[in-house]
Amino acid sequence: GATQSGGRSSLKLLRVAADGDLIGDA
């Protein structure tokens, strides 16, 4: 949602549904 990501911190390329392993690694 727009308000969940906080202005410029909104996600551009990251896909929460698909990038779980990447997020965990990061």
mmCIF file of all heavy atoms, coordinates in Angstrom:
data_MODEL
# 
_entry.id   MODEL 
# 
loop_
_atom_site.group_PDB 
_atom_site.id 
_atom_site.type_symbol 
_atom_site.label_atom_id 
_atom_site.label_alt_id 
_atom_site.label_comp_id 
_atom_site.label_asym_id 
_atom_site.label_entity_id 
_atom_site.label_seq_id 
_atom_site.pdbx_PDB_ins_code 
_atom_site.Cartn_x 
_atom_site.Cartn_y 
_atom_site.Cartn_z 
_atom_site.occupancy 
_atom_site.B_iso_or_equiv 
_atom_site.pdbx_formal_charge 
_atom_site.auth_seq_id 
_atom_site.auth_comp_id 
_atom_site.auth_asym_id 
_atom_site.auth_atom_id 
_atom_site.pdbx_PDB_model_num 
ATOM 1   N N   . GLY A 1 1  ? 0.828  -1.193  0.000   1.00 0.00 ? 1  GLY A N   1 
ATOM 2   C CA  . GLY A 1 1  ? 0.000  0.000   0.000   1.00 0.00 ? 1  GLY A CA  1 
ATOM 3   C C   . GLY A 1 1  ? 0.858  1.236   0.000   1.00 0.00 ? 1  GLY A C   1 
ATOM 4   O O   . GLY A 1 1  ? 1.995  1.245   0.451   1.00 0.00 ? 1  GLY A O   1 
ATOM 5   N N   . ALA A 1 2  ? 0.321  2.323   -0.470  1.00 0.00 ? 2  ALA A N   1 
ATOM 6   C CA  . ALA A 1 2  ? 1.101  3.554   -0.599  1.00 0.00 ? 2  ALA A CA  1 
ATOM 7   C C   . ALA A 1 2  ? 1.623  4.028   0.742   1.00 0.00 ? 2  ALA A C   1 
ATOM 8   O O   . ALA A 1 2  ? 2.756  4.466   0.875   1.00 0.00 ? 2  ALA A O   1 
ATOM 9   C CB  . ALA A 1 2  ? 0.250  4.640   -1.252  1.00 0.00 ? 2  ALA A CB  1 
ATOM 10  N N   . THR A 1 3  ? 0.787  3.928   1.796   1.00 0.00 ? 3  THR A N   1 
ATOM 11  C CA  . THR A 1 3  ? 1.207  4.475   3.078   1.00 0.00 ? 3  THR A CA  1 
ATOM 12  C C   . THR A 1 3  ? 2.101  3.516   3.843   1.00 0.00 ? 3  THR A C   1 
ATOM 13  O O   . THR A 1 3  ? 2.752  3.929   4.786   1.00 0.00 ? 3  THR A O   1 
ATOM 14  C CB  . THR A 1 3  ? -0.012 4.785   3.961   1.00 0.00 ? 3  THR A CB  1 
ATOM 15  O OG1 . THR A 1 3  ? -0.762 3.581   4.141   1.00 0.00 ? 3  THR A OG1 1 
ATOM 16  C CG2 . THR A 1 3  ? -0.900 5.819   3.303   1.00 0.00 ? 3  THR A CG2 1 
ATOM 17  N N   . GLN A 1 4  ? 2.127  2.227   3.436   1.00 0.00 ? 4  GLN A N   1 
ATOM 18  C CA  . GLN A 1 4  ? 2.924  1.277   4.190   1.00 0.00 ? 4  GLN A CA  1 
ATOM 19  C C   . GLN A 1 4  ? 4.405  1.433   3.898   1.00 0.00 ? 4  GLN A C   1 
ATOM 20  O O   . GLN A 1 4  ? 5.226  0.919   4.628   1.00 0.00 ? 4  GLN A O   1 
ATOM 21  C CB  . GLN A 1 4  ? 2.511  -0.160  3.844   1.00 0.00 ? 4  GLN A CB  1 
ATOM 22  C CG  . GLN A 1 4  ? 1.160  -0.545  4.413   1.00 0.00 ? 4  GLN A CG  1 
ATOM 23  C CD  . GLN A 1 4  ? 1.192  -0.774  5.904   1.00 0.00 ? 4  GLN A CD  1 
ATOM 24  O OE1 . GLN A 1 4  ? 2.154  -0.424  6.575   1.00 0.00 ? 4  GLN A OE1 1 
ATOM 25  N NE2 . GLN A 1 4  ? 0.153  -1.332  6.449   1.00 0.00 ? 4  GLN A NE2 1 
ATOM 26  N N   . SER A 1 5  ? 4.737  2.092   2.809   1.00 0.00 ? 5  SER A N   1 
ATOM 27  C CA  . SER A 1 5  ? 6.140  2.078   2.439   1.00 0.00 ? 5  SER A CA  1 
ATOM 28  C C   . SER A 1 5  ? 6.849  3.396   2.679   1.00 0.00 ? 5  SER A C   1 
ATOM 29  O O   . SER A 1 5  ? 8.054  3.487   2.536   1.00 0.00 ? 5  SER A O   1 
ATOM 30  C CB  . SER A 1 5  ? 6.290  1.651   0.979   1.00 0.00 ? 5  SER A CB  1 
ATOM 31  O OG  . SER A 1 5  ? 5.252  2.137   0.191   1.00 0.00 ? 5  SER A OG  1 
ATOM 32  N N   . GLY A 1 6  ? 6.097  4.442   3.050   1.00 0.00 ? 6  GLY A N   1 
ATOM 33  C CA  . GLY A 1 6  ? 6.744  5.648   3.530   1.00 0.00 ? 6  GLY A CA  1 
ATOM 34  C C   . GLY A 1 6  ? 7.443  6.477   2.486   1.00 0.00 ? 6  GLY A C   1 
ATOM 35  O O   . GLY A 1 6  ? 8.660  6.536   2.422   1.00 0.00 ? 6  GLY A O   1 
ATOM 36  N N   . GLY A 1 7  ? 6.688  7.170   1.646   1.00 0.00 ? 7  GLY A N   1 
ATOM 37  C CA  . GLY A 1 7  ? 7.301  8.110   0.715   1.00 0.00 ? 7  GLY A CA  1 
ATOM 38  C C   . GLY A 1 7  ? 8.320  7.457   -0.185  1.00 0.00 ? 7  GLY A C   1 
ATOM 39  O O   . GLY A 1 7  ? 8.024  6.528   -0.904  1.00 0.00 ? 7  GLY A O   1 
ATOM 40  N N   . ARG A 1 8  ? 9.538  7.958   -0.146  1.00 0.00 ? 8  ARG A N   1 
ATOM 41  C CA  . ARG A 1 8  ? 10.557 7.467   -1.068  1.00 0.00 ? 8  ARG A CA  1 
ATOM 42  C C   . ARG A 1 8  ? 11.005 6.052   -0.759  1.00 0.00 ? 8  ARG A C   1 
ATOM 43  O O   . ARG A 1 8  ? 11.772 5.471   -1.494  1.00 0.00 ? 8  ARG A O   1 
ATOM 44  C CB  . ARG A 1 8  ? 11.777 8.385   -1.026  1.00 0.00 ? 8  ARG A CB  1 
ATOM 45  C CG  . ARG A 1 8  ? 11.501 9.767   -1.578  1.00 0.00 ? 8  ARG A CG  1 
ATOM 46  C CD  . ARG A 1 8  ? 12.783 10.551  -1.571  1.00 0.00 ? 8  ARG A CD  1 
ATOM 47  N NE  . ARG A 1 8  ? 12.518 11.966  -1.751  1.00 0.00 ? 8  ARG A NE  1 
ATOM 48  C CZ  . ARG A 1 8  ? 13.445 12.894  -1.653  1.00 0.00 ? 8  ARG A CZ  1 
ATOM 49  N NH1 . ARG A 1 8  ? 14.676 12.561  -1.361  1.00 0.00 ? 8  ARG A NH1 1 
ATOM 50  N NH2 . ARG A 1 8  ? 13.153 14.162  -1.829  1.00 0.00 ? 8  ARG A NH2 1 
ATOM 51  N N   . SER A 1 9  ? 10.584 5.516   0.352   1.00 0.00 ? 9  SER A N   1 
ATOM 52  C CA  . SER A 1 9  ? 11.012 4.157   0.670   1.00 0.00 ? 9  SER A CA  1 
ATOM 53  C C   . SER A 1 9  ? 10.140 3.117   -0.021  1.00 0.00 ? 9  SER A C   1 
ATOM 54  O O   . SER A 1 9  ? 10.274 1.941   0.214   1.00 0.00 ? 9  SER A O   1 
ATOM 55  C CB  . SER A 1 9  ? 10.966 3.929   2.188   1.00 0.00 ? 9  SER A CB  1 
ATOM 56  O OG  . SER A 1 9  ? 9.640  4.015   2.648   1.00 0.00 ? 9  SER A OG  1 
ATOM 57  N N   . SER A 1 10 ? 9.204  3.551   -0.877  1.00 0.00 ? 10 SER A N   1 
ATOM 58  C CA  . SER A 1 10 ? 8.356  2.598   -1.575  1.00 0.00 ? 10 SER A CA  1 
ATOM 59  C C   . SER A 1 10 ? 9.201  1.716   -2.494  1.00 0.00 ? 10 SER A C   1 
ATOM 60  O O   . SER A 1 10 ? 10.216 2.142   -3.019  1.00 0.00 ? 10 SER A O   1 
ATOM 61  C CB  . SER A 1 10 ? 7.279  3.320   -2.378  1.00 0.00 ? 10 SER A CB  1 
ATOM 62  O OG  . SER A 1 10 ? 7.872  4.201   -3.297  1.00 0.00 ? 10 SER A OG  1 
ATOM 63  N N   . LEU A 1 11 ? 8.726  0.508   -2.696  1.00 0.00 ? 11 LEU A N   1 
ATOM 64  C CA  . LEU A 1 11 ? 9.502  -0.457  -3.453  1.00 0.00 ? 11 LEU A CA  1 
ATOM 65  C C   . LEU A 1 11 ? 9.391  -0.195  -4.946  1.00 0.00 ? 11 LEU A C   1 
ATOM 66  O O   . LEU A 1 11 ? 8.324  0.085   -5.465  1.00 0.00 ? 11 LEU A O   1 
ATOM 67  C CB  . LEU A 1 11 ? 9.021  -1.872  -3.135  1.00 0.00 ? 11 LEU A CB  1 
ATOM 68  C CG  . LEU A 1 11 ? 9.045  -2.260  -1.649  1.00 0.00 ? 11 LEU A CG  1 
ATOM 69  C CD1 . LEU A 1 11 ? 8.605  -3.688  -1.473  1.00 0.00 ? 11 LEU A CD1 1 
ATOM 70  C CD2 . LEU A 1 11 ? 10.431 -2.045  -1.057  1.00 0.00 ? 11 LEU A CD2 1 
ATOM 71  N N   . LYS A 1 12 ? 10.503 -0.312  -5.647  1.00 0.00 ? 12 LYS A N   1 
ATOM 72  C CA  . LYS A 1 12 ? 10.534 -0.096  -7.098  1.00 0.00 ? 12 LYS A CA  1 
ATOM 73  C C   . LYS A 1 12 ? 10.654 -1.429  -7.841  1.00 0.00 ? 12 LYS A C   1 
ATOM 74  O O   . LYS A 1 12 ? 9.861  -1.738  -8.707  1.00 0.00 ? 12 LYS A O   1 
ATOM 75  C CB  . LYS A 1 12 ? 11.724 0.793   -7.473  1.00 0.00 ? 12 LYS A CB  1 
ATOM 76  C CG  . LYS A 1 12 ? 11.712 2.168   -6.811  1.00 0.00 ? 12 LYS A CG  1 
ATOM 77  C CD  . LYS A 1 12 ? 10.787 3.117   -7.538  1.00 0.00 ? 12 LYS A CD  1 
ATOM 78  C CE  . LYS A 1 12 ? 10.956 4.527   -6.975  1.00 0.00 ? 12 LYS A CE  1 
ATOM 79  N NZ  . LYS A 1 12 ? 10.061 5.476   -7.645  1.00 0.00 ? 12 LYS A NZ  1 
ATOM 80  N N   . LEU A 1 13 ? 11.678 -2.190  -7.511  1.00 0.00 ? 13 LEU A N   1 
ATOM 81  C CA  . LEU A 1 13 ? 11.940 -3.445  -8.216  1.00 0.00 ? 13 LEU A CA  1 
ATOM 82  C C   . LEU A 1 13 ? 11.621 -4.671  -7.364  1.00 0.00 ? 13 LEU A C   1 
ATOM 83  O O   . LEU A 1 13 ? 11.352 -5.738  -7.891  1.00 0.00 ? 13 LEU A O   1 
ATOM 84  C CB  . LEU A 1 13 ? 13.417 -3.514  -8.639  1.00 0.00 ? 13 LEU A CB  1 
ATOM 85  C CG  . LEU A 1 13 ? 13.864 -2.484  -9.678  1.00 0.00 ? 13 LEU A CG  1 
ATOM 86  C CD1 . LEU A 1 13 ? 15.375 -2.565  -9.862  1.00 0.00 ? 13 LEU A CD1 1 
ATOM 87  C CD2 . LEU A 1 13 ? 13.162 -2.705  -11.001 1.00 0.00 ? 13 LEU A CD2 1 
ATOM 88  N N   . LEU A 1 14 ? 11.673 -4.493  -6.059  1.00 0.00 ? 14 LEU A N   1 
ATOM 89  C CA  . LEU A 1 14 ? 11.494 -5.621  -5.154  1.00 0.00 ? 14 LEU A CA  1 
ATOM 90  C C   . LEU A 1 14 ? 10.053 -6.119  -5.217  1.00 0.00 ? 14 LEU A C   1 
ATOM 91  O O   . LEU A 1 14 ? 9.119  -5.327  -5.188  1.00 0.00 ? 14 LEU A O   1 
ATOM 92  C CB  . LEU A 1 14 ? 11.833 -5.192  -3.725  1.00 0.00 ? 14 LEU A CB  1 
ATOM 93  C CG  . LEU A 1 14 ? 12.196 -6.292  -2.734  1.00 0.00 ? 14 LEU A CG  1 
ATOM 94  C CD1 . LEU A 1 14 ? 13.454 -7.006  -3.166  1.00 0.00 ? 14 LEU A CD1 1 
ATOM 95  C CD2 . LEU A 1 14 ? 12.387 -5.695  -1.342  1.00 0.00 ? 14 LEU A CD2 1 
ATOM 96  N N   . ARG A 1 15 ? 9.875  -7.420  -5.326  1.00 0.00 ? 15 ARG A N   1 
ATOM 97  C CA  . ARG A 1 15 ? 8.555  -8.028  -5.371  1.00 0.00 ? 15 ARG A CA  1 
ATOM 98  C C   . ARG A 1 15 ? 8.385  -8.915  -4.138  1.00 0.00 ? 15 ARG A C   1 
ATOM 99  O O   . ARG A 1 15 ? 8.998  -9.969  -4.040  1.00 0.00 ? 15 ARG A O   1 
ATOM 100 C CB  . ARG A 1 15 ? 8.383  -8.846  -6.659  1.00 0.00 ? 15 ARG A CB  1 
ATOM 101 C CG  . ARG A 1 15 ? 8.412  -7.996  -7.911  1.00 0.00 ? 15 ARG A CG  1 
ATOM 102 C CD  . ARG A 1 15 ? 7.186  -7.092  -7.981  1.00 0.00 ? 15 ARG A CD  1 
ATOM 103 N NE  . ARG A 1 15 ? 7.251  -6.115  -9.053  1.00 0.00 ? 15 ARG A NE  1 
ATOM 104 C CZ  . ARG A 1 15 ? 7.618  -4.845  -8.897  1.00 0.00 ? 15 ARG A CZ  1 
ATOM 105 N NH1 . ARG A 1 15 ? 7.973  -4.404  -7.701  1.00 0.00 ? 15 ARG A NH1 1 
ATOM 106 N NH2 . ARG A 1 15 ? 7.625  -4.013  -9.915  1.00 0.00 ? 15 ARG A NH2 1 
ATOM 107 N N   . VAL A 1 16 ? 7.563  -8.449  -3.223  1.00 0.00 ? 16 VAL A N   1 
ATOM 108 C CA  . VAL A 1 16 ? 7.428  -9.137  -1.940  1.00 0.00 ? 16 VAL A CA  1 
ATOM 109 C C   . VAL A 1 16 ? 6.961  -10.571 -2.126  1.00 0.00 ? 16 VAL A C   1 
ATOM 110 O O   . VAL A 1 16 ? 7.381  -11.481 -1.422  1.00 0.00 ? 16 VAL A O   1 
ATOM 111 C CB  . VAL A 1 16 ? 6.453  -8.357  -1.024  1.00 0.00 ? 16 VAL A CB  1 
ATOM 112 C CG1 . VAL A 1 16 ? 6.253  -9.086  0.285   1.00 0.00 ? 16 VAL A CG1 1 
ATOM 113 C CG2 . VAL A 1 16 ? 7.002  -6.960  -0.767  1.00 0.00 ? 16 VAL A CG2 1 
ATOM 114 N N   . ALA A 1 17 ? 6.063  -10.799 -3.103  1.00 0.00 ? 17 ALA A N   1 
ATOM 115 C CA  . ALA A 1 17 ? 5.528  -12.139 -3.304  1.00 0.00 ? 17 ALA A CA  1 
ATOM 116 C C   . ALA A 1 17 ? 6.585  -13.116 -3.803  1.00 0.00 ? 17 ALA A C   1 
ATOM 117 O O   . ALA A 1 17 ? 6.530  -14.305 -3.513  1.00 0.00 ? 17 ALA A O   1 
ATOM 118 C CB  . ALA A 1 17 ? 4.365  -12.089 -4.292  1.00 0.00 ? 17 ALA A CB  1 
ATOM 119 N N   . ALA A 1 18 ? 7.546  -12.615 -4.569  1.00 0.00 ? 18 ALA A N   1 
ATOM 120 C CA  . ALA A 1 18 ? 8.489  -13.512 -5.241  1.00 0.00 ? 18 ALA A CA  1 
ATOM 121 C C   . ALA A 1 18 ? 9.893  -13.480 -4.650  1.00 0.00 ? 18 ALA A C   1 
ATOM 122 O O   . ALA A 1 18 ? 10.680 -14.400 -4.879  1.00 0.00 ? 18 ALA A O   1 
ATOM 123 C CB  . ALA A 1 18 ? 8.560  -13.153 -6.729  1.00 0.00 ? 18 ALA A CB  1 
ATOM 124 N N   . ASP A 1 19 ? 10.227 -12.426 -3.902  1.00 0.00 ? 19 ASP A N   1 
ATOM 125 C CA  . ASP A 1 19 ? 11.618 -12.208 -3.511  1.00 0.00 ? 19 ASP A CA  1 
ATOM 126 C C   . ASP A 1 19 ? 11.890 -12.511 -2.043  1.00 0.00 ? 19 ASP A C   1 
ATOM 127 O O   . ASP A 1 19 ? 12.736 -11.870 -1.417  1.00 0.00 ? 19 ASP A O   1 
ATOM 128 C CB  . ASP A 1 19 ? 12.024 -10.761 -3.833  1.00 0.00 ? 19 ASP A CB  1 
ATOM 129 C CG  . ASP A 1 19 ? 12.017 -10.477 -5.325  1.00 0.00 ? 19 ASP A CG  1 
ATOM 130 O OD1 . ASP A 1 19 ? 12.248 -11.422 -6.094  1.00 0.00 ? 19 ASP A OD1 1 
ATOM 131 O OD2 . ASP A 1 19 ? 11.776 -9.333  -5.716  1.00 0.00 ? 19 ASP A OD2 1 
ATOM 132 N N   . GLY A 1 20 ? 11.171 -13.485 -1.492  1.00 0.00 ? 20 GLY A N   1 
ATOM 133 C CA  . GLY A 1 20 ? 11.346 -13.805 -0.079  1.00 0.00 ? 20 GLY A CA  1 
ATOM 134 C C   . GLY A 1 20 ? 12.765 -14.193 0.276   1.00 0.00 ? 20 GLY A C   1 
ATOM 135 O O   . GLY A 1 20 ? 13.321 -13.723 1.281   1.00 0.00 ? 20 GLY A O   1 
ATOM 136 N N   . ASP A 1 21 ? 13.393 -15.047 -0.521  1.00 0.00 ? 21 ASP A N   1 
ATOM 137 C CA  . ASP A 1 21 ? 14.762 -15.481 -0.227  1.00 0.00 ? 21 ASP A CA  1 
ATOM 138 C C   . ASP A 1 21 ? 15.730 -14.311 -0.302  1.00 0.00 ? 21 ASP A C   1 
ATOM 139 O O   . ASP A 1 21 ? 16.647 -14.191 0.523   1.00 0.00 ? 21 ASP A O   1 
ATOM 140 C CB  . ASP A 1 21 ? 15.182 -16.581 -1.204  1.00 0.00 ? 21 ASP A CB  1 
ATOM 141 C CG  . ASP A 1 21 ? 14.416 -17.874 -0.982  1.00 0.00 ? 21 ASP A CG  1 
ATOM 142 O OD1 . ASP A 1 21 ? 13.824 -18.030 0.111   1.00 0.00 ? 21 ASP A OD1 1 
ATOM 143 O OD2 . ASP A 1 21 ? 14.389 -18.719 -1.891  1.00 0.00 ? 21 ASP A OD2 1 
ATOM 144 N N   . LEU A 1 22 ? 15.518 -13.447 -1.284  1.00 0.00 ? 22 LEU A N   1 
ATOM 145 C CA  . LEU A 1 22 ? 16.380 -12.276 -1.433  1.00 0.00 ? 22 LEU A CA  1 
ATOM 146 C C   . LEU A 1 22 ? 16.246 -11.347 -0.229  1.00 0.00 ? 22 LEU A C   1 
ATOM 147 O O   . LEU A 1 22 ? 17.246 -10.850 0.310   1.00 0.00 ? 22 LEU A O   1 
ATOM 148 C CB  . LEU A 1 22 ? 16.016 -11.525 -2.721  1.00 0.00 ? 22 LEU A CB  1 
ATOM 149 C CG  . LEU A 1 22 ? 16.762 -10.209 -2.959  1.00 0.00 ? 22 LEU A CG  1 
ATOM 150 C CD1 . LEU A 1 22 ? 18.223 -10.470 -3.281  1.00 0.00 ? 22 LEU A CD1 1 
ATOM 151 C CD2 . LEU A 1 22 ? 16.112 -9.425  -4.096  1.00 0.00 ? 22 LEU A CD2 1 
ATOM 152 N N   . ILE A 1 23 ? 15.004 -11.117 0.209   1.00 0.00 ? 23 ILE A N   1 
ATOM 153 C CA  . ILE A 1 23 ? 14.775 -10.244 1.365   1.00 0.00 ? 23 ILE A CA  1 
ATOM 154 C C   . ILE A 1 23 ? 15.439 -10.825 2.606   1.00 0.00 ? 23 ILE A C   1 
ATOM 155 O O   . ILE A 1 23 ? 16.075 -10.113 3.389   1.00 0.00 ? 23 ILE A O   1 
ATOM 156 C CB  . ILE A 1 23 ? 13.260 -10.044 1.589   1.00 0.00 ? 23 ILE A CB  1 
ATOM 157 C CG1 . ILE A 1 23 ? 12.655 -9.251  0.417   1.00 0.00 ? 23 ILE A CG1 1 
ATOM 158 C CG2 . ILE A 1 23 ? 12.987 -9.314  2.901   1.00 0.00 ? 23 ILE A CG2 1 
ATOM 159 C CD1 . ILE A 1 23 ? 11.130 -9.257  0.388   1.00 0.00 ? 23 ILE A CD1 1 
ATOM 160 N N   . GLY A 1 24 ? 15.305 -12.136 2.784   1.00 0.00 ? 24 GLY A N   1 
ATOM 161 C CA  . GLY A 1 24 ? 15.948 -12.785 3.930   1.00 0.00 ? 24 GLY A CA  1 
ATOM 162 C C   . GLY A 1 24 ? 17.457 -12.669 3.879   1.00 0.00 ? 24 GLY A C   1 
ATOM 163 O O   . GLY A 1 24 ? 18.115 -12.403 4.898   1.00 0.00 ? 24 GLY A O   1 
ATOM 164 N N   . ASP A 1 25 ? 18.030 -12.861 2.702   1.00 0.00 ? 25 ASP A N   1 
ATOM 165 C CA  . ASP A 1 25 ? 19.474 -12.742 2.525   1.00 0.00 ? 25 ASP A CA  1 
ATOM 166 C C   . ASP A 1 25 ? 19.932 -11.315 2.818   1.00 0.00 ? 25 ASP A C   1 
ATOM 167 O O   . ASP A 1 25 ? 20.955 -11.093 3.487   1.00 0.00 ? 25 ASP A O   1 
ATOM 168 C CB  . ASP A 1 25 ? 19.834 -13.140 1.087   1.00 0.00 ? 25 ASP A CB  1 
ATOM 169 C CG  . ASP A 1 25 ? 21.334 -13.092 0.828   1.00 0.00 ? 25 ASP A CG  1 
ATOM 170 O OD1 . ASP A 1 25 ? 22.110 -13.413 1.751   1.00 0.00 ? 25 ASP A OD1 1 
ATOM 171 O OD2 . ASP A 1 25 ? 21.731 -12.718 -0.290  1.00 0.00 ? 25 ASP A OD2 1 
ATOM 172 N N   . ALA A 1 26 ? 19.155 -10.333 2.322   1.00 0.00 ? 26 ALA A N   1 
ATOM 173 C CA  . ALA A 1 26 ? 19.515 -8.926  2.544   1.00 0.00 ? 26 ALA A CA  1 
ATOM 174 C C   . ALA A 1 26 ? 19.448 -8.580  4.034   1.00 0.00 ? 26 ALA A C   1 
ATOM 175 O O   . ALA A 1 26 ? 20.267 -7.806  4.541   1.00 0.00 ? 26 ALA A O   1 
ATOM 176 C CB  . ALA A 1 26 ? 18.585 -8.019  1.748   1.00 0.00 ? 26 ALA A CB  1 
# 
